[in-house]
């Protein structure tokens, strides 16, 4: 079968399309014939050797796959050949087939296409874990989403609305903000035109933001924290801007606020059981992402634009 391989730390253009042996389902496993694989920001970090998880060489990027069950190993009773499924695999998704433990594979409804299904688990799992388990949300509270046009940002906008929160989308262009508003945001702030701290205070009538969802980091993190409400919750999602911020801890003291880490990877066991049903209750579902054939993907895979 064909696979996109990373045989040494490299840039996307250096990935190679190669032949590798077909996987065989061992006891308790199932083989998925992959129809779509999702690429996230951390995949770029992983092939560059900058991510905390470093798979042995050679490996394939892509941590999420959607497809059809091709075969099952001994002892597998919940899956059968032909089932439409999705799974989080950590890496090795950018190939034609993959063998995974059957208990990590989730069936998907017929009305969910493979491209959208492949992009559900990590972005919606992260956003759901952040908002439901880490943010202690109360209906009517304000939620500021940085990088609102990105994957986890859009998911946070959509889920925040479903939870009864007043969602403020924050992004670097008016076009991105309109996109976020189509996915649940009620208010918008363009931080390339307006100071983030002052803008969030203005939009909250001076009270400050109750919950801040930050997958961006960099200089935006401290500015957002300075706009937080008393007893607010600042959710650390990631650092798409590239720099890990050094936050002045006196702000947490002065604001009586919490800075809460969101480590979705440690939560994957329970997330697999909840992410797909949550999507089914959504008004619009995950947005359609750009897709490419596997043979052309390496040359078209680039670092995401500014959020």
Protein backbone atom coordinates (compact mmCIF):
# COMPACT_ATOMS: atom_id res chain seq x y z
CA UNK A 1 0.00 0.00 0.00
CA UNK A 2 1.00 3.66 -0.39
CA UNK A 3 2.04 5.82 2.56
CA UNK A 4 3.43 9.33 3.04
CA UNK A 5 6.60 8.76 5.07
CA UNK A 6 8.79 10.88 7.30
CA UNK A 7 12.16 9.09 7.49
CA UNK A 8 14.01 11.97 9.15
CA UNK A 9 12.96 15.29 10.64
CA UNK A 10 12.06 17.48 7.71
CA UNK A 11 9.73 20.01 6.10
CA UNK A 12 6.45 19.02 4.37
CA UNK A 13 8.09 19.12 0.91
CA UNK A 14 10.58 16.48 2.03
CA UNK A 15 7.96 13.85 2.85
CA UNK A 16 8.03 10.86 0.51
CA UNK A 17 5.24 8.79 -1.03
CA UNK A 18 6.36 5.17 -0.75
CA UNK A 19 5.18 1.55 -0.67
CA UNK A 20 4.88 -0.18 2.72
CA UNK A 21 3.45 -3.60 3.69
CA UNK A 22 -0.29 -3.90 4.21
CA UNK A 23 -1.28 -4.14 7.89
CA UNK A 24 -2.82 -7.32 9.30
CA UNK A 25 -5.44 -7.26 12.05
CA UNK A 26 -4.10 -8.95 15.16
CA UNK A 27 -6.44 -10.20 17.91
CA UNK A 28 -8.50 -7.29 19.19
CA UNK A 29 -7.66 -5.12 16.20
CA UNK A 30 -9.38 -4.00 13.00
CA UNK A 31 -7.92 -2.76 9.72
CA UNK A 32 -9.38 0.48 8.33
CA UNK A 33 -9.23 1.22 4.61
CA UNK A 34 -8.62 4.96 4.96
CA UNK A 35 -10.76 7.31 2.90
CA UNK A 36 -9.67 10.57 4.57
CA UNK A 37 -6.96 11.57 7.04
CA UNK A 38 -6.86 14.89 8.90
CA UNK A 39 -3.79 17.09 9.28
CA UNK A 40 -3.40 19.39 12.27
CA UNK A 41 -0.86 22.01 13.29
CA UNK A 42 0.97 19.55 15.54
CA UNK A 43 1.61 17.27 12.54
CA UNK A 44 3.98 19.91 11.20
CA UNK A 45 5.73 20.06 14.56
CA UNK A 46 5.95 16.26 14.68
CA UNK A 47 7.72 15.87 11.33
CA UNK A 48 10.14 18.65 12.37
CA UNK A 49 10.95 16.95 15.68
CA UNK A 50 9.46 19.84 17.68
CA UNK A 51 6.50 17.98 19.19
CA UNK A 52 6.46 16.24 22.57
CA UNK A 53 5.56 12.94 20.90
CA UNK A 54 8.33 11.59 18.65
CA UNK A 55 7.35 8.39 16.78
CA UNK A 56 10.14 6.09 15.55
CA UNK A 57 11.20 6.50 11.91
CA UNK A 58 9.77 5.97 9.42
CA UNK A 59 6.30 7.18 10.31
CA UNK A 60 3.40 8.88 8.58
CA UNK A 61 1.82 12.12 9.78
CA UNK A 62 -1.93 12.49 10.39
CA UNK A 63 -3.46 11.53 13.73
CA UNK A 64 -7.09 11.11 12.65
CA UNK A 65 -8.59 8.84 10.01
CA UNK A 66 -11.99 7.98 8.61
CA UNK A 67 -12.79 5.05 6.38
CA UNK A 68 -14.28 1.57 6.12
CA UNK A 69 -13.47 -1.57 8.09
CA UNK A 70 -11.60 -3.94 5.79
CA UNK A 71 -10.93 -6.80 8.22
CA UNK A 72 -11.17 -7.65 11.91
CA UNK A 73 -8.99 -9.76 14.16
CA UNK A 74 -9.98 -12.52 16.54
CA UNK A 75 -12.23 -11.46 19.38
CA UNK A 76 -13.63 -8.34 17.70
CA UNK A 77 -17.42 -8.37 17.88
CA UNK A 78 -18.47 -4.69 17.80
CA UNK A 79 -17.17 -4.04 14.28
CA UNK A 80 -17.70 -5.78 10.96
CA UNK A 81 -16.35 -5.48 7.44
CA UNK A 82 -17.94 -2.51 5.67
CA UNK A 83 -18.65 -0.40 8.77
CA UNK A 84 -18.02 3.33 8.28
CA UNK A 85 -15.74 4.47 11.09
CA UNK A 86 -13.45 7.15 12.50
CA UNK A 87 -10.42 6.79 14.78
CA UNK A 88 -7.66 8.74 16.47
CA UNK A 89 -4.34 7.01 15.80
CA UNK A 90 -1.69 9.47 17.03
CA UNK A 91 0.28 9.18 13.77
CA UNK A 92 0.49 6.94 10.67
CA UNK A 93 -2.86 8.18 9.30
CA UNK A 94 -1.45 9.36 5.95
CA UNK A 95 -1.50 5.94 4.36
CA UNK A 96 -4.03 3.72 2.62
CA UNK A 97 -4.70 1.37 5.55
CA UNK A 98 -4.06 1.15 9.28
CA UNK A 99 -4.56 -1.50 11.97
CA UNK A 100 -5.85 -0.18 15.30
CA UNK A 101 -7.31 -1.60 18.52
CA UNK A 102 -11.01 -2.13 17.91
CA UNK A 103 -11.96 -0.33 21.12
CA UNK A 104 -10.45 2.90 19.76
CA UNK A 105 -12.60 2.89 16.62
CA UNK A 106 -16.00 4.62 16.49
CA UNK A 107 -18.78 4.02 13.98
CA UNK A 108 -20.09 7.14 12.22
CA UNK A 109 -23.57 7.93 10.87
CA UNK A 110 -24.25 7.65 7.15
CA UNK A 111 -24.91 11.39 6.82
CA UNK A 112 -21.38 12.27 7.95
CA UNK A 113 -18.93 12.27 5.03
CA UNK A 114 -15.41 10.96 5.46
CA UNK A 115 -13.65 14.33 5.04
CA UNK A 116 -15.62 15.90 7.89
CA UNK A 117 -15.48 12.78 10.02
CA UNK A 118 -11.68 12.67 9.87
CA UNK A 119 -11.52 16.17 11.34
CA UNK A 120 -13.87 15.67 14.28
CA UNK A 121 -12.02 13.81 16.99
CA UNK A 122 -9.11 16.08 17.91
CA UNK A 123 -10.59 19.55 17.34
CA UNK A 124 -14.02 18.78 18.78
CA UNK A 125 -12.59 16.52 21.46
CA UNK A 126 -10.21 19.27 22.56
CA UNK A 127 -12.89 21.97 22.51
CA UNK A 128 -15.45 19.80 24.31
CA UNK A 129 -12.98 18.77 27.02
CA UNK A 130 -11.87 22.40 27.45
CA UNK A 131 -15.35 23.88 27.75
CA UNK A 132 -17.23 21.14 29.54
CA UNK A 133 -14.57 19.73 31.87
CA UNK A 134 -12.07 22.55 32.42
CA UNK A 135 -13.97 25.83 32.01
CA UNK A 136 -16.74 25.32 34.62
CA UNK A 137 -19.15 27.19 32.31
CA UNK A 138 -22.40 28.81 33.37
CA UNK A 139 -25.12 29.73 30.84
CA UNK A 140 -24.91 33.38 29.89
CA UNK A 141 -21.19 33.75 30.60
CA UNK A 142 -18.89 35.26 27.99
CA UNK A 143 -16.42 33.10 26.08
CA UNK A 144 -13.60 34.74 24.11
CA UNK A 145 -12.10 32.42 21.49
CA UNK A 146 -8.67 33.37 20.13
CA UNK A 147 -7.80 32.03 16.69
CA UNK A 148 -11.53 31.63 16.17
CA UNK A 149 -11.22 30.69 12.49
CA UNK A 150 -8.91 27.75 13.21
CA UNK A 151 -10.01 24.19 13.84
CA UNK A 152 -10.33 24.18 17.62
CA UNK A 153 -11.47 27.83 17.52
CA UNK A 154 -14.43 27.06 15.27
CA UNK A 155 -15.31 24.04 17.38
CA UNK A 156 -15.21 26.20 20.53
CA UNK A 157 -17.48 28.80 18.91
CA UNK A 158 -20.00 26.16 17.94
CA UNK A 159 -19.94 24.23 21.23
CA UNK A 160 -19.91 27.42 23.29
CA UNK A 161 -23.13 28.52 21.65
CA UNK A 162 -24.70 25.11 22.31
CA UNK A 163 -23.74 25.48 25.99
CA UNK A 164 -25.52 28.83 26.25
CA UNK A 165 -22.38 30.98 26.34
CA UNK A 166 -22.03 34.40 24.70
CA UNK A 167 -19.23 33.73 22.22
CA UNK A 168 -16.75 36.45 21.21
CA UNK A 169 -14.68 35.43 18.19
CA UNK A 170 -11.18 36.91 18.01
CA UNK A 171 -9.15 36.65 14.79
CA UNK A 172 -6.83 38.59 12.50
CA UNK A 173 -9.21 39.46 9.64
CA UNK A 174 -12.84 40.40 9.06
CA UNK A 175 -13.23 37.44 6.70
CA UNK A 176 -12.20 34.99 9.42
CA UNK A 177 -14.54 36.65 11.88
CA UNK A 178 -17.50 36.29 9.51
CA UNK A 179 -16.62 32.62 9.18
CA UNK A 180 -16.57 32.25 12.97
CA UNK A 181 -19.91 34.06 13.31
CA UNK A 182 -21.41 31.54 10.89
CA UNK A 183 -20.34 28.86 13.40
CA UNK A 184 -21.83 30.26 16.58
CA UNK A 185 -19.97 33.46 17.52
CA UNK A 186 -22.24 36.33 18.57
CA UNK A 187 -19.61 39.09 18.73
CA UNK A 188 -16.31 39.61 16.92
CA UNK A 189 -12.98 41.34 17.53
CA UNK A 190 -10.31 41.85 14.85
CA UNK A 191 -7.06 41.98 16.82
CA UNK A 192 -5.11 43.23 13.80
CA UNK A 193 -7.18 46.45 14.00
CA UNK A 194 -7.97 46.80 17.71
CA UNK A 195 -6.05 46.15 20.90
CA UNK A 196 -7.17 42.76 22.20
CA UNK A 197 -7.31 43.73 25.88
CA UNK A 198 -9.24 46.96 25.31
CA UNK A 199 -11.50 45.35 22.72
CA UNK A 200 -12.57 42.55 25.05
CA UNK A 201 -13.24 45.02 27.84
CA UNK A 202 -15.36 47.09 25.46
CA UNK A 203 -17.38 44.09 24.29
CA UNK A 204 -18.06 43.00 27.88
CA UNK A 205 -19.05 46.46 29.13
CA UNK A 206 -15.91 46.71 31.24
CA UNK A 207 -16.61 43.51 33.22
CA UNK A 208 -14.07 41.36 31.45
CA UNK A 209 -14.36 37.94 29.86
CA UNK A 210 -15.48 34.97 31.95
CA UNK A 211 -13.75 32.27 29.87
CA UNK A 212 -10.80 32.67 27.49
CA UNK A 213 -10.07 29.85 25.05
CA UNK A 214 -6.50 30.28 23.77
CA UNK A 215 -4.99 27.95 21.15
CA UNK A 216 -2.71 30.74 19.86
CA UNK A 217 -0.36 31.79 22.67
CA UNK A 218 2.36 34.30 21.81
CA UNK A 219 1.75 37.94 22.67
CA UNK A 220 -2.03 37.48 22.51
CA UNK A 221 -2.13 35.35 25.66
CA UNK A 222 -1.10 38.03 28.14
CA UNK A 223 -3.29 40.66 26.48
CA UNK A 224 -6.28 38.32 26.77
CA UNK A 225 -5.47 37.46 30.39
CA UNK A 226 -5.41 41.16 31.26
CA UNK A 227 -9.01 41.39 30.01
CA UNK A 228 -10.33 38.50 32.11
CA UNK A 229 -13.17 38.95 34.60
CA UNK A 230 -12.94 38.37 38.34
CA UNK A 231 -12.81 34.58 38.91
CA UNK A 232 -12.46 34.05 35.16
CA UNK A 233 -10.94 30.92 33.63
CA UNK A 234 -8.09 31.11 31.12
CA UNK A 235 -7.82 27.88 29.10
CA UNK A 236 -4.38 27.02 27.72
CA UNK A 237 -5.06 25.05 24.52
CA UNK A 238 -1.88 25.44 22.48
CA UNK A 239 0.67 27.75 20.92
CA UNK A 240 -0.09 28.13 17.21
CA UNK A 241 1.70 31.51 17.20
CA UNK A 242 4.92 29.61 17.89
CA UNK A 243 5.96 31.25 21.15
CA UNK A 244 5.05 29.85 24.57
CA UNK A 245 4.09 32.92 26.64
CA UNK A 246 5.52 33.69 30.06
CA UNK A 247 2.53 34.95 32.01
CA UNK A 248 2.92 37.39 34.93
CA UNK A 249 1.40 35.42 37.79
CA UNK A 250 0.46 38.58 39.64
CA UNK A 251 -2.40 38.87 37.12
CA UNK A 252 -3.91 35.64 38.48
CA UNK A 253 -3.69 37.12 41.98
CA UNK A 254 -5.18 40.49 41.03
CA UNK A 255 -7.98 38.96 38.95
CA UNK A 256 -8.74 36.06 41.27
CA UNK A 257 -8.70 33.97 38.10
CA UNK A 258 -7.59 30.47 37.15
CA UNK A 259 -5.14 29.49 34.41
CA UNK A 260 -6.15 25.97 33.44
CA UNK A 261 -4.27 23.61 31.15
CA UNK A 262 -6.20 21.54 28.60
CA UNK A 263 -4.42 18.26 27.81
CA UNK A 264 -6.80 16.44 25.52
CA UNK A 265 -4.34 13.61 24.90
CA UNK A 266 -4.75 12.36 28.47
CA UNK A 267 -8.50 12.42 28.01
CA UNK A 268 -8.90 10.51 24.75
CA UNK A 269 -10.47 7.41 26.29
CA UNK A 270 -13.64 9.19 27.37
CA UNK A 271 -13.67 11.67 24.49
CA UNK A 272 -14.07 8.91 21.90
CA UNK A 273 -17.43 8.03 23.40
CA UNK A 274 -18.77 11.58 23.32
CA UNK A 275 -17.40 13.54 20.36
CA UNK A 276 -19.46 12.07 17.50
CA UNK A 277 -22.84 12.19 19.32
CA UNK A 278 -22.16 15.85 20.20
CA UNK A 279 -21.58 16.67 16.52
CA UNK A 280 -24.95 15.15 15.63
CA UNK A 281 -26.66 17.79 17.80
CA UNK A 282 -24.80 20.62 16.07
CA UNK A 283 -26.54 23.05 13.74
CA UNK A 284 -23.95 22.93 10.99
CA UNK A 285 -21.33 20.32 11.74
CA UNK A 286 -17.60 20.62 11.09
CA UNK A 287 -16.77 22.91 8.16
CA UNK A 288 -15.56 21.30 4.95
CA UNK A 289 -11.77 21.50 4.90
CA UNK A 290 -9.42 21.56 1.94
CA UNK A 291 -8.67 18.04 0.76
CA UNK A 292 -5.96 16.62 -1.51
CA UNK A 293 -5.14 13.23 -2.97
CA UNK A 294 -2.43 11.43 -1.05
CA UNK A 295 -0.06 11.56 -4.04
CA UNK A 296 -0.11 15.38 -4.05
CA UNK A 297 -0.52 16.10 -0.34
CA UNK A 298 3.14 16.65 0.64
CA UNK A 299 3.66 19.43 -1.92
CA UNK A 300 0.43 21.18 -0.88
CA UNK A 301 0.77 20.90 2.88
CA UNK A 302 1.93 24.19 4.32
CA UNK A 303 2.03 25.94 7.67
CA UNK A 304 -1.43 27.35 8.42
CA UNK A 305 -1.99 31.07 7.88
CA UNK A 306 -2.06 33.54 10.76
CA UNK A 307 -5.04 33.00 13.04
